[in-house]
Protein backbone atom coordinates (compact mmCIF):
# COMPACT_ATOMS: atom_id res chain seq x y z
CA MET A 1 15.78 -12.26 -1.00
CA ASP A 2 11.90 -13.17 -1.38
CA LEU A 3 9.29 -10.87 -2.86
CA LEU A 4 6.23 -10.79 -0.83
CA SER A 5 3.33 -9.44 -2.66
CA GLY A 6 -0.03 -7.78 -1.97
CA ASP A 7 -1.80 -11.17 -2.62
CA ASP A 8 1.17 -13.13 -0.41
CA LEU A 9 -0.15 -10.43 2.20
CA ARG A 10 -3.68 -10.78 1.79
CA ALA A 11 -3.26 -14.90 2.07
CA LEU A 12 -1.74 -14.59 5.42
CA ILE A 13 -4.48 -12.17 6.36
CA GLU A 14 -7.15 -14.55 5.62
CA GLU A 15 -5.54 -17.61 6.86
CA ARG A 16 -7.34 -18.98 9.97
CA ALA A 17 -6.04 -22.22 11.79
CA ASP A 18 -5.93 -23.67 15.31
CA PRO A 19 -3.05 -22.53 16.00
CA CYS A 20 -1.51 -19.70 13.65
CA VAL A 21 2.12 -19.48 14.74
CA SER A 22 4.07 -15.97 13.40
CA VAL A 23 7.92 -15.91 14.05
CA PHE A 24 10.13 -12.75 13.28
CA LEU A 25 13.78 -12.70 13.57
CA PRO A 26 16.88 -10.34 12.25
CA THR A 27 19.06 -11.72 10.23
CA HIS A 28 22.42 -10.99 8.50
CA ARG A 29 23.26 -11.21 5.01
CA ALA A 30 26.97 -13.02 4.98
CA GLY A 31 30.00 -14.09 7.56
CA PRO A 32 30.10 -17.52 9.03
CA ALA A 33 30.04 -16.46 12.48
CA GLU A 34 26.98 -14.14 11.39
CA LEU A 35 25.37 -16.88 9.80
CA GLN A 36 25.29 -19.23 12.70
CA GLN A 37 24.03 -16.62 14.94
CA ASN A 38 21.04 -16.59 12.83
CA ARG A 39 20.44 -20.32 12.94
CA ILE A 40 20.55 -19.84 16.77
CA ARG A 41 17.98 -16.87 16.85
CA LEU A 42 15.83 -19.06 15.06
CA LYS A 43 15.99 -21.80 17.51
CA ASN A 44 15.42 -20.17 20.38
CA LEU A 45 12.46 -18.84 18.78
CA LEU A 46 11.16 -21.90 17.67
CA ARG A 47 11.33 -23.45 21.49
CA GLU A 48 9.63 -19.94 22.76
CA ALA A 49 6.76 -20.72 20.07
CA GLU A 50 6.57 -24.52 21.19
CA ASP A 51 6.50 -23.80 24.87
CA ARG A 52 3.77 -21.08 24.19
CA LEU A 53 2.08 -24.06 22.51
CA VAL A 54 1.96 -26.25 25.19
CA GLU A 55 1.39 -23.10 27.27
CA GLY A 56 -1.67 -22.48 25.55
CA GLY A 57 -3.06 -26.34 26.18
CA ARG A 58 -1.13 -28.65 23.21
CA ARG A 59 0.76 -31.25 24.02
CA ALA A 60 4.32 -31.39 24.09
CA SER A 61 4.24 -34.03 20.89
CA ALA A 62 2.09 -31.78 18.76
CA ALA A 63 3.67 -28.34 19.45
CA ARG A 64 6.93 -30.58 18.52
CA GLU A 65 5.16 -31.20 15.36
CA ILE A 66 3.69 -27.54 14.36
CA VAL A 67 7.37 -25.87 14.78
CA GLY A 68 8.79 -28.68 13.05
CA SER A 69 8.77 -27.27 9.39
CA GLY A 70 10.42 -24.24 11.18
CA ARG A 71 12.84 -26.82 12.48
CA ALA A 72 13.91 -28.48 9.03
CA LEU A 73 15.00 -24.78 8.15
CA LEU A 74 18.02 -25.19 10.42
CA GLU A 75 19.47 -27.69 8.75
CA ASP A 76 19.47 -26.26 5.01
CA GLY A 77 22.51 -24.73 4.49
CA ALA A 78 21.73 -23.36 1.17
CA PHE A 79 18.59 -21.16 2.69
CA TRP A 80 21.48 -19.83 5.18
CA ARG A 81 23.34 -18.63 2.41
CA HIS A 82 21.11 -16.58 1.03
CA GLN A 83 19.86 -14.10 3.97
CA ALA A 84 18.49 -10.30 3.82
CA ASP A 85 17.72 -8.00 6.80
CA GLY A 86 14.87 -10.12 8.34
CA LEU A 87 13.23 -13.52 8.50
CA ALA A 88 9.56 -13.74 8.44
CA LEU A 89 8.33 -17.67 9.20
CA PHE A 90 4.38 -18.65 10.10
CA LEU A 91 3.73 -22.00 10.91
CA THR A 92 0.32 -24.34 11.23
CA PRO A 93 -0.47 -27.74 11.71
CA ALA A 94 -1.12 -27.88 7.80
CA GLY A 95 2.49 -26.66 6.82
CA SER A 96 4.80 -23.37 6.84
CA ARG A 97 5.92 -20.50 4.54
CA HIS A 98 8.74 -18.10 5.27
CA TYR A 99 9.96 -15.20 3.65
CA ARG A 100 13.57 -13.48 3.39
CA LEU A 101 12.64 -9.22 3.16
CA ALA A 102 14.95 -6.29 3.18
CA LEU A 103 13.17 -5.20 6.91
CA ARG A 104 14.76 -6.06 9.99
CA PHE A 105 12.29 -7.44 12.20
CA PRO A 106 12.78 -7.10 16.43
CA GLU A 107 12.58 -11.06 17.81
CA LEU A 108 8.95 -11.83 18.21
CA VAL A 109 6.60 -15.06 18.57
CA VAL A 110 2.67 -14.68 18.38
CA VAL A 111 0.68 -17.80 18.54
CA GLY A 112 -3.06 -17.19 18.02
CA PRO A 113 -5.92 -17.73 15.62
CA ARG A 114 -4.38 -15.94 13.18
CA PHE A 115 -1.31 -14.81 11.45
CA HIS A 116 0.95 -11.33 13.33
CA VAL A 117 1.27 -9.18 10.19
CA LYS A 118 2.06 -5.72 11.40
CA PRO A 119 5.62 -6.08 11.21
CA LEU A 120 5.12 -6.68 7.35
CA LEU A 121 3.20 -3.62 7.11
CA PRO A 122 5.88 -0.99 6.27
CA LEU A 123 6.71 -2.92 3.14
CA PHE A 124 2.85 -2.43 2.21
CA ALA A 125 2.38 1.15 3.73
CA GLU A 126 1.67 4.06 1.64
CA ASP A 127 5.69 5.35 2.55
CA GLY A 128 6.86 1.76 1.89
CA ARG A 129 6.70 0.55 -1.29
CA PHE A 130 7.35 1.87 -4.91
CA TYR A 131 8.18 -0.12 -8.54
CA VAL A 132 10.52 1.13 -10.96
CA LEU A 133 9.86 -0.08 -14.53
CA ALA A 134 13.05 0.07 -16.54
CA LEU A 135 12.36 0.29 -20.52
CA SER A 136 14.52 0.25 -23.28
CA GLN A 137 13.95 -1.41 -26.87
CA LYS A 138 16.34 -4.05 -25.48
CA ASP A 139 15.50 -5.02 -22.08
CA VAL A 140 12.45 -4.60 -19.51
CA ARG A 141 13.05 -4.43 -16.02
CA LEU A 142 10.66 -4.37 -12.97
CA LEU A 143 12.29 -3.67 -9.77
CA GLN A 144 10.54 -3.21 -6.05
CA GLY A 145 11.75 -0.67 -3.76
CA THR A 146 11.33 0.21 -0.41
CA ARG A 147 13.26 2.96 1.09
CA GLN A 148 16.09 0.63 2.39
CA SER A 149 16.13 -1.83 -0.72
CA VAL A 150 15.39 -3.17 -3.96
CA THR A 151 14.72 -6.35 -5.60
CA GLU A 152 14.08 -7.70 -9.31
CA VAL A 153 10.54 -9.12 -9.70
CA ASP A 154 11.12 -11.89 -12.17
CA LEU A 155 8.84 -11.20 -14.95
CA THR A 156 6.69 -14.02 -16.70
CA GLY A 157 4.19 -13.01 -19.80
CA VAL A 158 6.32 -9.77 -20.55
CA PRO A 159 8.12 -9.57 -23.87
CA ARG A 160 12.01 -8.70 -22.52
CA SER A 161 12.53 -6.28 -25.70
CA LEU A 162 11.07 -4.73 -28.84
CA ALA A 163 12.60 -7.76 -30.88
CA ASP A 164 10.55 -10.27 -28.77
CA ALA A 165 7.17 -8.18 -28.64
CA LEU A 166 6.92 -8.55 -32.69
CA ARG A 167 8.45 -11.69 -33.57
CA TYR A 168 11.88 -10.15 -34.55
CA ASP A 169 13.13 -12.50 -36.44
CA GLN A 170 10.75 -12.04 -39.63
CA PHE A 171 10.36 -8.26 -38.46
CA GLU A 172 14.64 -7.78 -38.48
CA LYS A 173 14.32 -8.85 -42.24
CA GLN A 174 12.40 -5.99 -43.34
CA LEU A 175 14.08 -3.56 -41.68
CA GLN A 176 16.52 -2.48 -44.50
CA LEU A 177 14.94 -3.45 -47.46
CA HIS A 178 11.05 -2.13 -48.15
CA THR A 179 8.71 -2.96 -51.16
CA ALA A 180 7.34 0.55 -52.88
CA SER A 181 3.91 0.59 -53.27
CA GLY A 182 4.01 1.48 -56.67
CA PRO A 183 5.11 -1.47 -59.67
CA GLY A 184 8.88 -1.72 -61.16
CA ARG A 185 10.42 -3.45 -63.99
CA GLY A 186 9.00 -6.95 -64.72
CA GLY A 187 5.26 -5.96 -62.73
CA ARG A 188 7.41 -5.94 -59.32
CA GLY A 189 7.83 -3.78 -56.46
CA ALA A 190 10.60 -1.63 -56.77
CA VAL A 191 12.84 -2.11 -54.16
CA VAL A 192 13.48 0.99 -51.45
CA PHE A 193 16.12 1.13 -48.83
CA HIS A 194 15.70 2.94 -45.86
CA GLY A 195 19.08 3.48 -44.25
CA GLN A 196 18.86 2.43 -40.46
CA GLY A 197 15.52 1.35 -40.30
CA MET A 198 11.45 1.98 -40.56
CA ASP A 199 9.96 5.25 -41.09
CA MET A 200 9.32 7.37 -37.61
CA GLU A 201 5.35 6.48 -37.74
CA ASP A 202 6.37 2.66 -38.10
CA THR A 203 9.00 2.83 -35.40
CA LYS A 204 6.34 4.75 -32.90
CA ALA A 205 3.26 2.13 -33.89
CA ASN A 206 5.74 -0.55 -32.87
CA ILE A 207 6.99 0.80 -29.89
CA LEU A 208 3.68 1.22 -29.05
CA ARG A 209 2.79 -2.10 -29.50
CA TYR A 210 5.65 -3.62 -27.11
CA PHE A 211 4.67 -1.38 -24.22
CA GLN A 212 1.07 -2.32 -24.38
CA GLN A 213 2.24 -6.22 -24.38
CA ILE A 214 4.12 -4.87 -21.31
CA ASP A 215 1.31 -3.42 -19.84
CA ALA A 216 -0.76 -6.36 -20.39
CA GLY A 217 2.08 -8.37 -18.80
CA LEU A 218 2.37 -6.47 -15.74
CA ARG A 219 -2.03 -6.23 -15.18
CA ASP A 220 -2.40 -9.32 -13.29
CA PHE A 221 0.75 -8.50 -11.04
CA LEU A 222 -0.12 -4.67 -10.04
CA ARG A 223 -4.00 -5.23 -10.07
CA GLU A 224 -4.17 -4.83 -6.47
CA GLU A 225 -1.60 -2.42 -6.19
CA ARG A 226 -1.66 1.09 -5.18
CA ALA A 227 2.31 1.66 -5.43
CA PRO A 228 3.72 4.54 -7.64
CA LEU A 229 5.55 2.80 -10.29
CA VAL A 230 8.42 5.15 -11.63
CA LEU A 231 9.43 4.84 -15.67
CA ALA A 232 13.10 4.73 -15.98
CA GLY A 233 14.16 5.30 -20.18
CA VAL A 234 14.80 7.69 -22.91
CA GLU A 235 12.42 10.44 -22.55
CA TYR A 236 10.83 10.11 -25.89
CA LEU A 237 9.27 6.84 -24.83
CA PHE A 238 7.57 8.13 -21.24
CA PRO A 239 4.39 9.50 -23.63
CA LEU A 240 4.22 6.37 -25.11
CA TYR A 241 4.34 4.11 -22.38
CA ARG A 242 1.64 6.76 -20.53
CA GLU A 243 -0.85 5.90 -23.71
CA ALA A 244 -0.44 2.22 -23.52
CA SER A 245 -0.43 1.74 -19.98
CA ALA A 246 -3.76 1.25 -17.87
CA TYR A 247 -1.59 1.29 -14.17
CA PRO A 248 -3.78 4.40 -12.45
CA HIS A 249 -0.65 5.09 -10.11
CA LEU A 250 2.27 5.89 -12.76
CA LEU A 251 4.35 8.82 -11.96
CA GLU A 252 4.52 11.66 -14.24
CA THR A 253 8.22 12.15 -13.27
CA GLY A 254 10.70 9.80 -14.91
CA ILE A 255 14.28 8.47 -14.58
CA ALA A 256 15.47 10.30 -17.95
CA GLY A 257 18.86 8.16 -19.59
CA ASN A 258 19.37 4.65 -20.80
CA PRO A 259 18.50 2.22 -17.94
CA GLU A 260 20.51 -0.15 -19.42
CA LEU A 261 23.53 1.81 -18.11
CA LEU A 262 22.45 1.58 -14.55
CA ARG A 263 22.43 -0.91 -11.88
CA ALA A 264 19.40 -1.63 -9.69
CA GLU A 265 20.92 0.17 -6.85
CA GLU A 266 21.36 3.47 -9.05
CA LEU A 267 17.50 3.17 -10.20
CA HIS A 268 16.58 2.47 -6.52
CA ALA A 269 18.28 5.89 -5.50
CA ARG A 270 17.29 7.75 -8.34
CA ALA A 271 13.56 6.51 -7.85
CA TRP A 272 13.64 7.46 -4.43
CA ASP A 273 14.20 10.97 -4.97
CA VAL A 274 11.19 10.92 -7.14
CA VAL A 275 8.45 8.98 -4.80
CA LYS A 276 9.61 10.23 -1.60
CA PRO A 277 7.83 13.66 -1.79
CA HIS A 278 4.64 11.66 -3.48
CA PHE A 279 5.05 9.72 0.02
CA GLN A 280 5.46 12.59 2.27
CA LYS A 281 1.98 14.81 0.26
CA ALA A 282 0.00 11.53 1.03
CA GLN A 283 0.69 10.69 4.10
CA ALA A 284 0.53 15.09 5.20
CA GLN A 285 -3.07 14.61 3.81
CA ALA A 286 -4.39 11.90 5.62
CA ALA A 287 -3.10 13.47 8.92
CA ALA A 288 -4.41 16.54 8.41
CA ARG A 289 -7.66 14.90 7.06
CA TYR A 290 -7.91 12.83 10.45
CA GLN A 291 -7.30 16.39 12.60
CA GLU A 292 -10.07 18.02 10.37
CA LEU A 293 -12.47 14.88 11.14
CA ALA A 294 -11.85 14.64 14.63
CA GLY A 295 -14.77 14.37 16.70
CA THR A 296 -17.26 14.34 14.08
CA GLY A 297 -17.56 10.72 14.30
CA ARG A 298 -15.79 10.13 11.27
CA ALA A 299 -12.67 9.13 13.08
CA SER A 300 -11.09 7.74 16.09
CA ASP A 301 -7.86 7.00 17.94
CA ARG A 302 -9.95 4.61 20.62
CA LEU A 303 -9.05 0.57 20.13
CA GLU A 304 -12.49 -0.31 21.09
CA GLU A 305 -13.84 2.09 17.71
CA VAL A 306 -11.62 1.41 15.17
CA VAL A 307 -11.36 -2.59 15.34
CA PRO A 308 -14.69 -3.60 14.63
CA ALA A 309 -14.69 -0.65 12.59
CA ALA A 310 -11.92 -2.08 10.22
CA HIS A 311 -13.85 -5.60 10.52
CA GLN A 312 -16.85 -4.35 9.37
CA GLY A 313 -15.08 -2.43 6.18
CA ARG A 314 -15.72 1.12 7.46
CA VAL A 315 -11.65 1.98 7.86
CA ASP A 316 -10.55 3.82 5.13
CA SER A 317 -7.16 5.11 6.37
CA LEU A 318 -5.42 3.86 9.41
CA PHE A 319 -2.15 5.16 10.72
CA VAL A 320 -0.78 2.38 13.18
CA ALA A 321 2.39 2.68 15.94
CA VAL A 322 4.72 0.52 14.78
CA GLY A 323 6.68 -1.29 17.49
CA ALA A 324 3.50 -1.01 19.65
CA GLU A 325 1.12 -3.97 21.00
CA ARG A 326 -1.96 -3.93 22.90
CA TRP A 327 -3.08 -7.83 23.51
CA GLY A 328 -7.02 -9.00 24.24
CA THR A 329 -9.10 -11.31 22.41
CA ILE A 330 -12.13 -10.45 19.67
CA GLY A 331 -15.70 -11.42 19.49
CA PRO A 332 -17.35 -12.80 16.66
CA ASP A 333 -18.81 -9.64 15.61
CA GLY A 334 -15.31 -8.14 15.52
CA ARG A 335 -15.55 -6.02 18.94
CA VAL A 336 -12.87 -6.03 21.21
CA ALA A 337 -14.05 -8.42 24.37
CA GLU A 338 -11.11 -7.99 26.27
CA SER A 339 -7.69 -5.64 26.37
CA ARG A 340 -4.45 -5.55 28.00
CA THR A 341 -0.60 -4.32 27.71
CA SER A 342 0.50 -7.75 28.26
CA PRO A 343 -0.36 -11.05 26.80
CA ALA A 344 -2.29 -13.87 27.84
CA PRO A 345 -3.11 -17.52 26.58
CA GLY A 346 -5.41 -17.17 23.07
CA ASP A 347 -4.37 -12.94 23.12
CA GLU A 348 -4.04 -11.09 19.73
CA ASP A 349 -2.37 -7.89 19.13
CA LEU A 350 -5.40 -5.65 18.38
CA LEU A 351 -3.41 -3.14 16.48
CA ASN A 352 -2.45 -6.42 14.32
CA VAL A 353 -6.03 -7.09 14.09
CA ALA A 354 -6.70 -3.15 13.08
CA ALA A 355 -4.08 -3.01 10.14
CA ALA A 356 -4.93 -6.77 8.91
CA GLU A 357 -8.73 -5.90 8.76
CA THR A 358 -7.97 -2.50 7.37
CA VAL A 359 -5.83 -4.28 4.37
CA ARG A 360 -8.23 -6.85 3.90
CA ASN A 361 -11.00 -4.77 3.12
CA ARG A 362 -8.75 -2.77 0.88
CA GLY A 363 -8.41 0.65 3.16
CA THR A 364 -4.77 2.18 3.70
CA VAL A 365 -2.34 1.60 6.18
CA TYR A 366 0.28 3.79 7.52
CA ALA A 367 2.56 2.04 9.44
CA VAL A 368 4.88 4.87 11.20
CA GLU A 369 6.82 5.52 14.46
CA PRO A 370 4.99 5.96 17.39
CA SER A 371 5.29 10.04 17.43
CA GLN A 372 3.78 10.31 13.86
CA VAL A 373 0.55 9.00 14.66
CA PRO A 374 -1.74 11.89 14.74
CA GLY A 375 -3.70 12.54 18.02
CA GLY A 376 -0.91 10.88 19.89
CA ALA A 377 -2.32 7.35 20.68
CA GLU A 378 -1.09 3.99 18.88
CA LEU A 379 -3.65 3.88 16.18
CA ALA A 380 -5.92 6.52 14.44
CA ALA A 381 -8.19 5.82 11.86
CA ILE A 382 -10.26 7.63 9.41
CA PHE A 383 -13.44 5.96 8.39
CA ARG A 384 -15.59 5.90 5.20
CA TYR A 385 -19.19 6.40 6.66
């Protein structure tokens, strides 16, 4: 499974090429027949992408070259042996990117001037993603979770234990042996033994230093994140980590106990119980705020108003219906030039444009079932001004 970060999503949103090809398909994780089905699905979708490129005016040879890096995956046996629930593939004349994700996509091919990212948004919506930081003095794990899945993040620049943080090769030698402050025989300090370790204040100071190093190491990874972070560990560590952490979305409620004894799936299940009420509250508050502002000029469910507002960075919160599509073209000022229910060559999904521009301008997107969009339309936006 691949980790799709907020930076990855923004890079996809910022990409502009002629053309951008986006391919989504559901995949099976195991089974010879199922894995072969994965390849057949991708092969068929790449053929569809090639046909779309030719219909849009590309030469057949140019179309084959654009989808060529995708076709190379068909022969990569190792790639197909390590699948998740869905595959997202992004192609341009300059190259390709792919992500195996814990999200089951419907089959979809989109060709346009930008990548189609709307199917990815459930991973980034306010009710779509959270983190679990499993802390002990011997180990550190960061897990990225959604409602359906959990993935362990490969940590770099983060100490993996208290020993690592304190250069324990020197620290350990001093745990049992300490020199008293007063002089002893021969002018040397008297030797004092401290049983199992250092006094409480020294231990607390060293753990705090350890946590500060963890927080510093996570800062680059989490700097653009708004997802909640749940701590897992013995309870006396929680206030120490909160003192060390600068992450603004660290939740007060944690998972008490030794996380070394829990598998990632067990931590995920317990963390979901913590974050579920948080997610429900945030979405309900946003929906209530939309209803309060409807008709005041500070909210709208009209595509022709929301798309240019998202382009201008005016959308604070956006509800968008998963699975819905509205096709058309966008003018250079971000305004909707044409709108229709079925795509024509050169069209973009206008709901995708609204969502992508909202994310690009640091707004919040709720990718929800159509029945959960306030007002009953395909999208609903709250404006910053």
